[in-house]
């Protein structure tokens, strides 16, 4: 059966790895601000800024079998240095913009389809300086579980909660050898994540092999959320 997957934000990082992995098995639609390296891949590109644009549904197929929302932020600062506007901006990008897309495409989601969202390890495990991003991603986790309940069994909805991943979004946290070594050592598996680590799980959740998985927030974090080995 011919299947269509939509990614919002798929031109770099985790989204790009998902696109590369699935392009030969599905018809892929990528809605993002830039197309960066997408020109080399077999995808349908839609110019789209999640924080300011309404998704043009006429550019999408009648049915979608998978959806991934990738845009996110990492504002790590002491609470006293985070303005209320920063909290609002993080919520807008991570959560409200995602909800707007979900509302637009839900009528297109096919029987047995799958939605994948991204949270953070800092929702389940309290970490200093994460108040803004953890609040925004916590909203995603609550939304995801409620949506999964409301649309079962037609649509499966799951969230992935990574720790630090080596992507452009995390560049300033990993931009020299000392920082990288420090972040590696914080994790029981002694390395930060790579985009493929997260993409592999996202691809599984989009495929038929995960047809009995819904309403979950799945940690993929090098063990940092559950193991104390330091």
N, C-alpha and C. Protein backbone atom coordinates (compact mmCIF):
# COMPACT_ATOMS: atom_id res chain seq x y z
N UNK A 1 0.84 -1.20 0.00
CA UNK A 1 0.00 0.00 0.00
C UNK A 1 0.88 1.25 0.00
N UNK A 2 0.56 2.18 -0.87
CA UNK A 2 1.29 3.44 -0.96
C UNK A 2 1.02 4.28 0.27
N UNK A 3 2.09 4.79 0.93
CA UNK A 3 1.91 5.56 2.16
C UNK A 3 2.65 6.89 2.09
N UNK A 4 2.05 7.89 2.73
CA UNK A 4 2.59 9.25 2.74
C UNK A 4 2.97 9.67 4.15
N UNK A 5 4.15 10.27 4.28
CA UNK A 5 4.64 10.77 5.56
C UNK A 5 4.89 12.27 5.44
N UNK A 6 4.42 13.03 6.42
CA UNK A 6 4.69 14.48 6.48
C UNK A 6 5.60 14.76 7.66
N UNK A 7 6.68 15.49 7.40
CA UNK A 7 7.53 16.01 8.46
C UNK A 7 7.49 17.54 8.44
N UNK A 8 7.24 18.13 9.58
CA UNK A 8 7.46 19.57 9.72
C UNK A 8 8.84 19.74 10.32
N UNK A 9 9.72 20.38 9.55
CA UNK A 9 11.11 20.50 9.94
C UNK A 9 11.85 19.20 9.63
N UNK A 10 12.37 19.08 8.43
CA UNK A 10 13.06 17.84 8.07
C UNK A 10 14.29 18.10 7.23
N UNK A 11 14.79 19.33 7.28
CA UNK A 11 15.90 19.68 6.40
C UNK A 11 17.26 19.57 7.07
N UNK A 12 17.29 19.28 8.37
CA UNK A 12 18.57 19.06 9.06
C UNK A 12 18.31 18.27 10.34
N UNK A 13 19.39 17.86 10.99
CA UNK A 13 19.27 17.19 12.28
C UNK A 13 18.50 15.89 12.23
N UNK A 14 17.70 15.66 13.26
CA UNK A 14 16.95 14.41 13.39
C UNK A 14 15.97 14.24 12.24
N UNK A 15 15.26 15.31 11.89
CA UNK A 15 14.29 15.22 10.80
C UNK A 15 14.92 14.79 9.50
N UNK A 16 16.09 15.33 9.21
CA UNK A 16 16.80 14.98 7.98
C UNK A 16 17.19 13.51 7.97
N UNK A 17 17.61 12.98 9.12
CA UNK A 17 17.95 11.56 9.20
C UNK A 17 16.72 10.68 8.99
N UNK A 18 15.57 11.12 9.49
CA UNK A 18 14.32 10.38 9.26
C UNK A 18 13.99 10.35 7.78
N UNK A 19 14.10 11.51 7.14
CA UNK A 19 13.82 11.60 5.70
C UNK A 19 14.72 10.67 4.91
N UNK A 20 16.02 10.70 5.21
CA UNK A 20 16.97 9.84 4.49
C UNK A 20 16.62 8.37 4.66
N UNK A 21 16.19 7.99 5.86
CA UNK A 21 15.90 6.59 6.14
C UNK A 21 14.62 6.10 5.46
N UNK A 22 13.66 7.00 5.26
CA UNK A 22 12.34 6.58 4.78
C UNK A 22 12.04 6.92 3.33
N UNK A 23 12.90 7.70 2.69
CA UNK A 23 12.58 8.24 1.36
C UNK A 23 12.32 7.16 0.31
N UNK A 24 12.93 5.99 0.46
CA UNK A 24 12.75 4.94 -0.53
C UNK A 24 11.56 4.02 -0.24
N UNK A 25 10.94 4.22 0.94
CA UNK A 25 9.82 3.35 1.32
C UNK A 25 8.48 4.06 1.29
N UNK A 26 8.52 5.39 1.40
CA UNK A 26 7.29 6.18 1.48
C UNK A 26 7.41 7.40 0.58
N UNK A 27 6.27 8.03 0.31
CA UNK A 27 6.29 9.35 -0.30
C UNK A 27 6.41 10.37 0.83
N UNK A 28 7.48 11.15 0.80
CA UNK A 28 7.80 12.05 1.91
C UNK A 28 7.48 13.49 1.54
N UNK A 29 6.80 14.17 2.44
CA UNK A 29 6.55 15.61 2.33
C UNK A 29 7.27 16.29 3.49
N UNK A 30 8.06 17.31 3.17
CA UNK A 30 8.79 18.05 4.19
C UNK A 30 8.37 19.51 4.13
N UNK A 31 7.80 19.99 5.24
CA UNK A 31 7.41 21.40 5.36
C UNK A 31 8.39 22.07 6.32
N UNK A 32 9.24 22.94 5.80
CA UNK A 32 10.25 23.57 6.65
C UNK A 32 10.66 24.92 6.07
N UNK A 33 11.40 25.69 6.87
CA UNK A 33 11.82 27.02 6.43
C UNK A 33 12.86 26.96 5.32
N UNK A 34 13.73 25.96 5.37
CA UNK A 34 14.78 25.82 4.35
C UNK A 34 14.75 24.41 3.79
N UNK A 35 15.34 24.26 2.60
CA UNK A 35 15.43 22.90 2.04
C UNK A 35 16.86 22.38 2.06
N UNK A 36 17.82 23.19 2.53
CA UNK A 36 19.20 22.78 2.76
C UNK A 36 19.64 21.66 1.83
N UNK A 37 19.77 20.44 2.36
CA UNK A 37 20.28 19.31 1.57
C UNK A 37 19.17 18.46 0.96
N UNK A 38 17.94 18.92 1.06
CA UNK A 38 16.82 18.10 0.59
C UNK A 38 16.82 17.94 -0.92
N UNK A 39 17.50 18.84 -1.63
CA UNK A 39 17.51 18.77 -3.09
C UNK A 39 18.09 17.47 -3.62
N UNK A 40 18.89 16.81 -2.80
CA UNK A 40 19.49 15.55 -3.23
C UNK A 40 18.62 14.34 -2.93
N UNK A 41 17.47 14.57 -2.29
CA UNK A 41 16.62 13.46 -1.86
C UNK A 41 15.29 13.48 -2.61
N UNK A 42 14.64 12.34 -2.62
CA UNK A 42 13.36 12.19 -3.31
C UNK A 42 12.23 12.59 -2.35
N UNK A 43 12.02 13.90 -2.19
CA UNK A 43 10.99 14.39 -1.29
C UNK A 43 10.21 15.52 -1.94
N UNK A 44 9.04 15.79 -1.39
CA UNK A 44 8.22 16.92 -1.82
C UNK A 44 8.39 18.03 -0.80
N UNK A 45 8.99 19.14 -1.22
CA UNK A 45 9.30 20.22 -0.28
C UNK A 45 8.21 21.29 -0.29
N UNK A 46 7.82 21.72 0.92
CA UNK A 46 6.85 22.80 1.10
C UNK A 46 7.50 23.88 1.96
N UNK A 47 7.61 25.08 1.45
CA UNK A 47 8.17 26.18 2.23
C UNK A 47 7.20 26.54 3.35
N UNK A 48 7.69 26.49 4.60
CA UNK A 48 6.78 26.63 5.74
C UNK A 48 7.54 27.03 6.99
N UNK A 49 7.09 28.08 7.65
CA UNK A 49 7.61 28.50 8.95
C UNK A 49 6.53 28.20 9.98
N UNK A 50 6.81 27.27 10.87
CA UNK A 50 5.80 26.79 11.81
C UNK A 50 5.27 27.89 12.72
N UNK A 51 6.09 28.91 12.98
CA UNK A 51 5.66 29.96 13.92
C UNK A 51 4.86 31.07 13.27
N UNK A 52 4.82 31.11 11.94
CA UNK A 52 4.14 32.25 11.30
C UNK A 52 3.22 31.86 10.15
N UNK A 53 3.38 30.68 9.59
CA UNK A 53 2.61 30.28 8.40
C UNK A 53 1.48 29.32 8.75
N UNK A 54 0.41 29.37 7.96
CA UNK A 54 -0.62 28.33 8.00
C UNK A 54 -0.26 27.30 6.94
N UNK A 55 -0.32 26.04 7.30
CA UNK A 55 0.05 24.98 6.37
C UNK A 55 -0.95 24.92 5.23
N UNK A 56 -0.44 24.97 4.01
CA UNK A 56 -1.29 24.90 2.82
C UNK A 56 -1.64 23.44 2.54
N UNK A 57 -2.85 23.06 2.92
CA UNK A 57 -3.26 21.66 2.80
C UNK A 57 -3.38 21.21 1.35
N UNK A 58 -3.50 22.16 0.43
CA UNK A 58 -3.61 21.79 -0.99
C UNK A 58 -2.32 21.17 -1.51
N UNK A 59 -1.20 21.39 -0.80
CA UNK A 59 0.08 20.82 -1.21
C UNK A 59 0.30 19.42 -0.64
N UNK A 60 -0.68 18.94 0.13
CA UNK A 60 -0.57 17.62 0.75
C UNK A 60 -1.49 16.62 0.07
N UNK A 61 -1.20 15.34 0.19
CA UNK A 61 -2.08 14.31 -0.37
C UNK A 61 -3.38 14.20 0.44
N UNK A 62 -4.34 13.48 -0.09
CA UNK A 62 -5.62 13.32 0.61
C UNK A 62 -5.47 12.53 1.90
N UNK A 63 -4.51 11.61 1.92
CA UNK A 63 -4.31 10.78 3.11
C UNK A 63 -2.86 10.86 3.59
N UNK A 64 -2.69 10.93 4.91
CA UNK A 64 -1.37 10.85 5.52
C UNK A 64 -1.32 9.63 6.44
N UNK A 65 -0.21 8.91 6.36
CA UNK A 65 -0.05 7.70 7.17
C UNK A 65 0.96 7.89 8.30
N UNK A 66 1.67 9.02 8.25
CA UNK A 66 2.61 9.33 9.32
C UNK A 66 2.86 10.81 9.38
N UNK A 67 3.13 11.31 10.59
CA UNK A 67 3.42 12.72 10.79
C UNK A 67 4.46 12.87 11.89
N UNK A 68 5.46 13.72 11.65
CA UNK A 68 6.50 14.02 12.65
C UNK A 68 6.66 15.53 12.74
N UNK A 69 6.63 16.04 13.98
CA UNK A 69 6.86 17.47 14.20
C UNK A 69 8.23 17.64 14.85
N UNK A 70 9.15 18.27 14.13
CA UNK A 70 10.55 18.35 14.57
C UNK A 70 10.98 19.68 15.20
N UNK A 71 10.39 20.84 14.86
CA UNK A 71 10.92 22.09 15.40
C UNK A 71 10.98 22.10 16.92
N UNK A 72 12.04 22.70 17.45
CA UNK A 72 12.19 22.78 18.89
C UNK A 72 13.23 23.80 19.27
N UNK A 73 13.41 23.98 20.58
CA UNK A 73 14.36 24.97 21.07
C UNK A 73 15.09 24.40 22.27
N UNK A 74 16.26 24.97 22.56
CA UNK A 74 17.01 24.61 23.77
C UNK A 74 17.47 25.91 24.43
N UNK A 75 16.64 26.46 25.29
CA UNK A 75 17.00 27.66 26.05
C UNK A 75 17.38 27.23 27.46
N UNK A 76 18.67 27.06 27.71
CA UNK A 76 19.15 26.61 29.01
C UNK A 76 19.77 27.79 29.75
N UNK A 77 19.00 28.34 30.68
CA UNK A 77 19.45 29.49 31.48
C UNK A 77 18.84 29.39 32.87
N UNK A 78 19.50 30.01 33.86
CA UNK A 78 18.86 30.10 35.18
C UNK A 78 17.49 30.76 35.07
N UNK A 79 16.55 30.32 35.90
CA UNK A 79 15.19 30.84 35.85
C UNK A 79 15.16 32.36 35.92
N UNK A 80 16.02 32.97 36.76
CA UNK A 80 16.00 34.44 36.91
C UNK A 80 16.43 35.16 35.65
N UNK A 81 17.10 34.43 34.73
CA UNK A 81 17.54 35.05 33.48
C UNK A 81 16.60 34.78 32.31
N UNK A 82 15.54 34.04 32.56
CA UNK A 82 14.57 33.74 31.51
C UNK A 82 13.40 34.71 31.63
N UNK A 83 13.16 35.46 30.57
CA UNK A 83 12.03 36.39 30.58
C UNK A 83 10.73 35.63 30.31
N UNK A 84 9.63 36.26 30.66
CA UNK A 84 8.33 35.66 30.35
C UNK A 84 8.17 35.49 28.85
N UNK A 85 8.72 36.43 28.08
CA UNK A 85 8.65 36.32 26.62
C UNK A 85 9.36 35.06 26.12
N UNK A 86 10.47 34.69 26.76
CA UNK A 86 11.17 33.46 26.35
C UNK A 86 10.28 32.24 26.58
N UNK A 87 9.60 32.20 27.73
CA UNK A 87 8.67 31.10 27.98
C UNK A 87 7.58 31.05 26.90
N UNK A 88 7.06 32.21 26.55
CA UNK A 88 6.01 32.27 25.53
C UNK A 88 6.53 31.83 24.17
N UNK A 89 7.76 32.26 23.83
CA UNK A 89 8.34 31.89 22.53
C UNK A 89 8.61 30.39 22.46
N UNK A 90 9.13 29.82 23.54
CA UNK A 90 9.37 28.38 23.56
C UNK A 90 8.07 27.60 23.43
N UNK A 91 7.04 28.07 24.12
CA UNK A 91 5.74 27.40 24.04
C UNK A 91 5.16 27.53 22.63
N UNK A 92 5.33 28.69 22.03
CA UNK A 92 4.80 28.92 20.67
C UNK A 92 5.45 27.99 19.66
N UNK A 93 6.77 27.90 19.67
CA UNK A 93 7.48 27.07 18.69
C UNK A 93 7.25 25.58 18.94
N UNK A 94 7.42 25.17 20.19
CA UNK A 94 7.37 23.74 20.50
C UNK A 94 5.96 23.19 20.54
N UNK A 95 5.03 23.98 21.07
CA UNK A 95 3.70 23.42 21.35
C UNK A 95 2.58 24.01 20.49
N UNK A 96 2.34 25.31 20.59
CA UNK A 96 1.18 25.87 19.89
C UNK A 96 1.28 25.72 18.37
N UNK A 97 2.48 25.91 17.82
CA UNK A 97 2.64 25.73 16.37
C UNK A 97 2.39 24.28 15.98
N UNK A 98 2.81 23.35 16.83
CA UNK A 98 2.55 21.93 16.59
C UNK A 98 1.05 21.63 16.61
N UNK A 99 0.36 22.19 17.60
CA UNK A 99 -1.09 21.96 17.70
C UNK A 99 -1.81 22.49 16.46
N UNK A 100 -1.37 23.63 15.95
CA UNK A 100 -2.00 24.20 14.76
C UNK A 100 -1.87 23.26 13.57
N UNK A 101 -0.69 22.66 13.40
CA UNK A 101 -0.49 21.72 12.29
C UNK A 101 -1.33 20.46 12.50
N UNK A 102 -1.35 19.96 13.73
CA UNK A 102 -2.14 18.76 14.00
C UNK A 102 -3.61 18.99 13.69
N UNK A 103 -4.14 20.15 14.08
CA UNK A 103 -5.55 20.46 13.78
C UNK A 103 -5.80 20.49 12.27
N UNK A 104 -4.82 21.00 11.53
CA UNK A 104 -4.98 21.12 10.08
C UNK A 104 -4.97 19.76 9.39
N UNK A 105 -4.12 18.85 9.87
CA UNK A 105 -3.93 17.58 9.14
C UNK A 105 -4.71 16.40 9.72
N UNK A 106 -5.27 16.54 10.91
CA UNK A 106 -5.94 15.39 11.51
C UNK A 106 -7.01 14.76 10.61
N UNK A 107 -7.80 15.57 9.87
CA UNK A 107 -8.78 14.95 8.97
C UNK A 107 -8.14 14.09 7.88
N UNK A 108 -6.85 14.30 7.60
CA UNK A 108 -6.17 13.53 6.57
C UNK A 108 -5.52 12.25 7.11
N UNK A 109 -5.44 12.10 8.43
CA UNK A 109 -4.75 10.95 9.00
C UNK A 109 -5.55 9.67 8.72
N UNK A 110 -4.88 8.70 8.13
CA UNK A 110 -5.52 7.46 7.70
C UNK A 110 -5.69 6.50 8.86
N UNK A 111 -6.53 5.50 8.65
CA UNK A 111 -6.70 4.43 9.63
C UNK A 111 -5.35 3.73 9.85
N UNK A 112 -4.95 3.60 11.12
CA UNK A 112 -3.67 2.96 11.42
C UNK A 112 -2.46 3.85 11.28
N UNK A 113 -2.69 5.16 11.16
CA UNK A 113 -1.57 6.09 10.97
C UNK A 113 -0.88 6.39 12.30
N UNK A 114 0.26 7.09 12.21
CA UNK A 114 1.10 7.33 13.38
C UNK A 114 1.59 8.76 13.42
N UNK A 115 1.55 9.36 14.62
CA UNK A 115 2.12 10.68 14.84
C UNK A 115 3.26 10.56 15.85
N UNK A 116 4.34 11.30 15.58
CA UNK A 116 5.51 11.27 16.46
C UNK A 116 5.91 12.71 16.82
N UNK A 117 6.00 12.97 18.13
CA UNK A 117 6.41 14.26 18.63
C UNK A 117 7.69 14.11 19.45
N UNK A 118 8.33 15.24 19.76
CA UNK A 118 9.58 15.20 20.52
C UNK A 118 9.46 15.98 21.83
N UNK A 119 9.89 15.35 22.89
CA UNK A 119 9.95 15.96 24.21
C UNK A 119 11.42 16.10 24.60
N UNK A 120 11.71 15.97 25.89
CA UNK A 120 13.08 16.03 26.39
C UNK A 120 13.17 15.21 27.67
N UNK A 121 14.35 14.68 27.93
CA UNK A 121 14.59 13.95 29.17
C UNK A 121 14.29 14.82 30.38
N UNK A 122 14.38 16.14 30.23
CA UNK A 122 14.22 17.06 31.35
C UNK A 122 12.77 17.19 31.82
N UNK A 123 11.82 16.58 31.13
CA UNK A 123 10.44 16.58 31.61
C UNK A 123 10.29 15.59 32.76
N UNK A 124 10.78 14.38 32.58
CA UNK A 124 10.65 13.34 33.60
C UNK A 124 11.73 13.45 34.68
N UNK A 125 12.88 14.00 34.33
CA UNK A 125 14.00 14.14 35.26
C UNK A 125 14.32 15.63 35.41
N UNK A 126 14.02 16.19 36.56
CA UNK A 126 14.24 17.62 36.76
C UNK A 126 15.71 17.98 36.63
N UNK A 127 16.00 18.97 35.81
CA UNK A 127 17.38 19.42 35.58
C UNK A 127 17.45 20.93 35.70
N UNK A 128 18.49 21.47 36.36
CA UNK A 128 18.62 22.92 36.46
C UNK A 128 18.69 23.59 35.09
N UNK A 129 18.18 24.80 35.01
CA UNK A 129 18.27 25.66 33.82
C UNK A 129 17.37 25.20 32.67
N UNK A 130 16.48 24.24 32.93
CA UNK A 130 15.61 23.70 31.88
C UNK A 130 14.14 24.15 32.05
N UNK A 131 13.86 25.14 32.89
CA UNK A 131 12.46 25.43 33.20
C UNK A 131 11.62 25.75 31.97
N UNK A 132 12.16 26.52 31.04
CA UNK A 132 11.36 26.94 29.88
C UNK A 132 11.14 25.79 28.90
N UNK A 133 12.22 25.12 28.51
CA UNK A 133 12.07 24.04 27.53
C UNK A 133 11.32 22.86 28.13
N UNK A 134 11.54 22.57 29.42
CA UNK A 134 10.84 21.45 30.04
C UNK A 134 9.34 21.74 30.14
N UNK A 135 8.98 23.00 30.38
CA UNK A 135 7.56 23.36 30.42
C UNK A 135 6.90 23.16 29.06
N UNK A 136 7.57 23.62 28.00
CA UNK A 136 7.02 23.49 26.65
C UNK A 136 6.92 22.03 26.23
N UNK A 137 7.97 21.26 26.50
CA UNK A 137 7.96 19.85 26.11
C UNK A 137 7.01 19.04 27.00
N UNK A 138 6.86 19.45 28.27
CA UNK A 138 5.89 18.78 29.12
C UNK A 138 4.48 18.93 28.58
N UNK A 139 4.19 20.10 28.01
CA UNK A 139 2.88 20.30 27.37
C UNK A 139 2.69 19.32 26.22
N UNK A 140 3.75 19.07 25.47
CA UNK A 140 3.68 18.12 24.36
C UNK A 140 3.36 16.72 24.88
N UNK A 141 4.00 16.31 25.96
CA UNK A 141 3.76 14.96 26.48
C UNK A 141 2.31 14.78 26.93
N UNK A 142 1.79 15.77 27.65
CA UNK A 142 0.40 15.68 28.08
C UNK A 142 -0.57 15.67 26.91
N UNK A 143 -0.31 16.55 25.95
CA UNK A 143 -1.13 16.62 24.73
C UNK A 143 -1.10 15.30 23.98
N UNK A 144 0.10 14.74 23.83
CA UNK A 144 0.27 13.51 23.06
C UNK A 144 -0.54 12.36 23.64
N UNK A 145 -0.49 12.21 24.97
CA UNK A 145 -1.22 11.10 25.60
C UNK A 145 -2.73 11.29 25.48
N UNK A 146 -3.20 12.51 25.66
CA UNK A 146 -4.63 12.77 25.52
C UNK A 146 -5.10 12.56 24.09
N UNK A 147 -4.28 13.02 23.13
CA UNK A 147 -4.62 12.83 21.71
C UNK A 147 -4.65 11.35 21.36
N UNK A 148 -3.69 10.59 21.89
CA UNK A 148 -3.64 9.15 21.63
C UNK A 148 -4.90 8.47 22.14
N UNK A 149 -5.37 8.88 23.31
CA UNK A 149 -6.59 8.29 23.87
C UNK A 149 -7.81 8.64 23.04
N UNK A 150 -7.88 9.89 22.61
CA UNK A 150 -9.06 10.36 21.89
C UNK A 150 -9.18 9.74 20.50
N UNK A 151 -8.03 9.48 19.85
CA UNK A 151 -8.08 9.00 18.47
C UNK A 151 -7.74 7.51 18.32
N UNK A 152 -7.59 6.80 19.44
CA UNK A 152 -7.42 5.35 19.35
C UNK A 152 -8.74 4.72 18.91
N UNK A 153 -8.72 3.68 18.08
CA UNK A 153 -7.53 3.01 17.55
C UNK A 153 -7.07 3.53 16.17
N UNK A 154 -7.70 4.59 15.67
CA UNK A 154 -7.41 5.03 14.31
C UNK A 154 -5.99 5.57 14.17
N UNK A 155 -5.58 6.46 15.09
CA UNK A 155 -4.28 7.12 14.99
C UNK A 155 -3.46 6.82 16.24
N UNK A 156 -2.24 6.37 16.04
CA UNK A 156 -1.32 6.17 17.16
C UNK A 156 -0.50 7.45 17.36
N UNK A 157 -0.27 7.81 18.63
CA UNK A 157 0.46 9.03 18.94
C UNK A 157 1.50 8.72 20.03
N UNK A 158 2.76 9.01 19.74
CA UNK A 158 3.83 8.75 20.69
C UNK A 158 4.82 9.92 20.72
N UNK A 159 5.54 10.02 21.83
CA UNK A 159 6.52 11.07 22.01
C UNK A 159 7.88 10.44 22.31
N UNK A 160 8.92 11.01 21.74
CA UNK A 160 10.30 10.60 22.02
C UNK A 160 10.94 11.66 22.91
N UNK A 161 11.58 11.21 24.00
CA UNK A 161 12.19 12.14 24.96
C UNK A 161 13.70 11.91 24.99
N UNK A 162 14.45 12.63 24.16
CA UNK A 162 15.90 12.43 24.11
C UNK A 162 16.63 13.24 25.19
N UNK A 163 17.86 12.84 25.44
CA UNK A 163 18.81 13.71 26.12
C UNK A 163 19.53 14.51 25.03
N UNK A 164 20.67 15.08 25.37
CA UNK A 164 21.38 15.94 24.42
C UNK A 164 21.80 15.16 23.18
N UNK A 165 21.50 15.72 22.01
CA UNK A 165 21.80 15.08 20.73
C UNK A 165 22.67 16.01 19.90
N UNK A 166 23.64 15.45 19.23
CA UNK A 166 24.57 16.23 18.41
C UNK A 166 23.89 16.66 17.10
N UNK A 167 23.20 17.78 17.18
CA UNK A 167 22.50 18.36 16.02
C UNK A 167 22.82 19.85 15.97
N UNK A 168 22.48 20.52 14.86
CA UNK A 168 22.71 21.97 14.80
C UNK A 168 22.06 22.73 15.95
N UNK A 169 20.92 22.25 16.44
CA UNK A 169 20.22 22.91 17.54
C UNK A 169 21.07 22.94 18.82
N UNK A 170 21.90 21.92 19.00
CA UNK A 170 22.71 21.80 20.23
C UNK A 170 24.15 22.26 20.02
N UNK A 171 24.42 22.92 18.92
CA UNK A 171 25.79 23.24 18.53
C UNK A 171 26.55 24.02 19.61
N UNK A 172 25.90 25.00 20.23
CA UNK A 172 26.63 25.82 21.21
C UNK A 172 26.96 25.05 22.48
N UNK A 173 26.26 23.94 22.72
CA UNK A 173 26.56 23.11 23.90
C UNK A 173 27.67 22.11 23.64
N UNK A 174 28.04 21.96 22.35
CA UNK A 174 29.03 20.93 21.98
C UNK A 174 30.10 21.51 21.05
N UNK A 175 30.36 22.81 21.17
CA UNK A 175 31.18 23.46 20.15
C UNK A 175 32.69 23.45 20.43
N UNK A 176 33.12 22.68 21.45
CA UNK A 176 34.55 22.43 21.60
C UNK A 176 34.76 21.10 22.29
N UNK A 177 35.98 20.60 22.26
CA UNK A 177 36.27 19.26 22.77
C UNK A 177 35.98 19.13 24.26
N UNK A 178 36.25 20.19 25.02
CA UNK A 178 36.03 20.13 26.47
C UNK A 178 34.54 19.99 26.80
N UNK A 179 33.72 20.79 26.12
CA UNK A 179 32.27 20.69 26.32
C UNK A 179 31.76 19.31 25.92
N UNK A 180 32.24 18.82 24.78
CA UNK A 180 31.79 17.52 24.29
C UNK A 180 32.16 16.41 25.28
N UNK A 181 33.38 16.44 25.80
CA UNK A 181 33.81 15.42 26.75
C UNK A 181 32.97 15.48 28.03
N UNK A 182 32.69 16.69 28.49
CA UNK A 182 31.88 16.86 29.70
C UNK A 182 30.48 16.29 29.50
N UNK A 183 29.87 16.60 28.36
CA UNK A 183 28.52 16.10 28.08
C UNK A 183 28.52 14.59 27.86
N UNK A 184 29.54 14.07 27.19
CA UNK A 184 29.66 12.62 27.01
C UNK A 184 29.67 11.92 28.36
N UNK A 185 30.48 12.42 29.29
CA UNK A 185 30.68 11.75 30.57
C UNK A 185 29.46 11.81 31.49
N UNK A 186 28.56 12.74 31.24
CA UNK A 186 27.32 12.81 32.04
C UNK A 186 26.41 11.62 31.80
N UNK A 187 26.55 10.98 30.66
CA UNK A 187 25.65 9.89 30.28
C UNK A 187 26.26 8.53 30.63
N UNK A 188 25.48 7.61 31.19
CA UNK A 188 26.01 6.29 31.50
C UNK A 188 26.65 5.59 30.30
N UNK A 189 26.17 5.83 29.10
CA UNK A 189 26.77 5.22 27.91
C UNK A 189 27.93 6.04 27.37
N UNK A 190 28.30 7.09 28.09
CA UNK A 190 29.51 7.88 27.84
C UNK A 190 29.58 8.53 26.45
N UNK A 191 28.44 8.90 25.94
CA UNK A 191 28.40 9.72 24.73
C UNK A 191 27.06 10.42 24.64
N UNK A 192 27.04 11.55 23.99
CA UNK A 192 25.78 12.21 23.68
C UNK A 192 25.14 11.47 22.50
N UNK A 193 23.88 11.75 22.27
CA UNK A 193 23.19 11.09 21.17
C UNK A 193 23.59 11.64 19.82
N UNK A 194 23.40 10.83 18.82
CA UNK A 194 23.53 11.27 17.43
C UNK A 194 22.14 11.28 16.80
N UNK A 195 21.99 12.10 15.77
CA UNK A 195 20.68 12.24 15.14
C UNK A 195 20.10 10.90 14.71
N UNK A 196 20.96 9.99 14.25
CA UNK A 196 20.48 8.68 13.80
C UNK A 196 19.89 7.86 14.94
N UNK A 197 20.44 8.03 16.16
CA UNK A 197 19.90 7.30 17.31
C UNK A 197 18.42 7.61 17.49
N UNK A 198 18.08 8.87 17.38
CA UNK A 198 16.70 9.29 17.59
C UNK A 198 15.85 8.98 16.35
N UNK A 199 16.43 9.19 15.18
CA UNK A 199 15.70 8.91 13.93
C UNK A 199 15.31 7.44 13.83
N UNK A 200 16.17 6.55 14.29
CA UNK A 200 15.86 5.12 14.23
C UNK A 200 14.58 4.80 14.99
N UNK A 201 14.43 5.40 16.18
CA UNK A 201 13.22 5.16 16.96
C UNK A 201 12.01 5.80 16.31
N UNK A 202 12.18 7.01 15.78
CA UNK A 202 11.06 7.67 15.10
C UNK A 202 10.57 6.84 13.91
N UNK A 203 11.51 6.29 13.15
CA UNK A 203 11.14 5.46 12.00
C UNK A 203 10.36 4.23 12.44
N UNK A 204 10.81 3.60 13.53
CA UNK A 204 10.09 2.44 14.07
C UNK A 204 8.66 2.82 14.44
N UNK A 205 8.48 3.97 15.09
CA UNK A 205 7.15 4.38 15.52
C UNK A 205 6.24 4.73 14.34
N UNK A 206 6.82 5.07 13.21
CA UNK A 206 6.02 5.37 12.02
C UNK A 206 5.61 4.11 11.26
N UNK A 207 6.32 3.03 11.49
CA UNK A 207 6.11 1.82 10.71
C UNK A 207 5.10 0.86 11.34
N UNK A 208 4.66 -0.09 10.54
CA UNK A 208 3.68 -1.08 10.98
C UNK A 208 4.21 -1.94 12.13
N UNK A 209 5.53 -2.08 12.23
CA UNK A 209 6.12 -2.89 13.30
C UNK A 209 5.77 -2.37 14.69
N UNK A 210 5.39 -1.10 14.80
CA UNK A 210 5.05 -0.52 16.10
C UNK A 210 3.54 -0.37 16.26
N UNK A 211 2.76 -1.20 15.58
CA UNK A 211 1.31 -1.03 15.53
C UNK A 211 0.61 -1.23 16.88
N UNK A 212 1.34 -1.73 17.89
CA UNK A 212 0.74 -1.90 19.22
C UNK A 212 1.33 -0.91 20.22
N UNK A 213 1.90 0.18 19.71
CA UNK A 213 2.53 1.20 20.57
C UNK A 213 1.80 2.52 20.38
N UNK A 214 1.19 3.02 21.45
CA UNK A 214 0.57 4.34 21.41
C UNK A 214 0.50 4.92 22.81
N UNK A 215 0.43 6.24 22.89
CA UNK A 215 0.31 6.92 24.16
C UNK A 215 1.56 6.87 25.02
N UNK A 216 2.71 6.64 24.40
CA UNK A 216 3.95 6.48 25.15
C UNK A 216 4.87 7.69 25.02
N UNK A 217 5.61 7.95 26.07
CA UNK A 217 6.76 8.86 25.99
C UNK A 217 7.99 8.00 26.22
N UNK A 218 8.78 7.84 25.17
CA UNK A 218 9.87 6.88 25.18
C UNK A 218 11.21 7.61 25.33
N UNK A 219 11.91 7.31 26.39
CA UNK A 219 13.21 7.92 26.61
C UNK A 219 14.29 7.25 25.79
N UNK A 220 15.08 8.06 25.11
CA UNK A 220 16.27 7.55 24.42
C UNK A 220 17.37 8.55 24.73
N UNK A 221 18.14 8.22 25.78
CA UNK A 221 18.91 9.26 26.46
C UNK A 221 20.24 8.76 27.02
N UNK A 222 20.77 7.67 26.50
CA UNK A 222 22.04 7.17 27.00
C UNK A 222 22.00 6.72 28.44
N UNK A 223 20.77 6.52 28.97
CA UNK A 223 20.60 6.03 30.33
C UNK A 223 20.53 7.09 31.39
N UNK A 224 20.64 8.37 31.02
CA UNK A 224 20.76 9.43 32.02
C UNK A 224 19.52 9.60 32.88
N UNK A 225 18.34 9.23 32.37
CA UNK A 225 17.10 9.45 33.12
C UNK A 225 16.87 8.37 34.19
N UNK A 226 17.52 7.23 34.07
CA UNK A 226 17.20 6.11 34.96
C UNK A 226 18.40 5.49 35.66
N UNK A 227 19.62 5.78 35.23
CA UNK A 227 20.80 5.16 35.79
C UNK A 227 21.68 6.18 36.49
N UNK A 228 22.15 5.83 37.68
CA UNK A 228 23.08 6.69 38.42
C UNK A 228 24.39 5.96 38.57
N UNK A 229 25.33 6.21 37.65
CA UNK A 229 26.57 5.46 37.64
C UNK A 229 27.78 6.36 37.91
N UNK A 230 27.54 7.65 38.12
CA UNK A 230 28.65 8.58 38.33
C UNK A 230 28.93 8.76 39.84
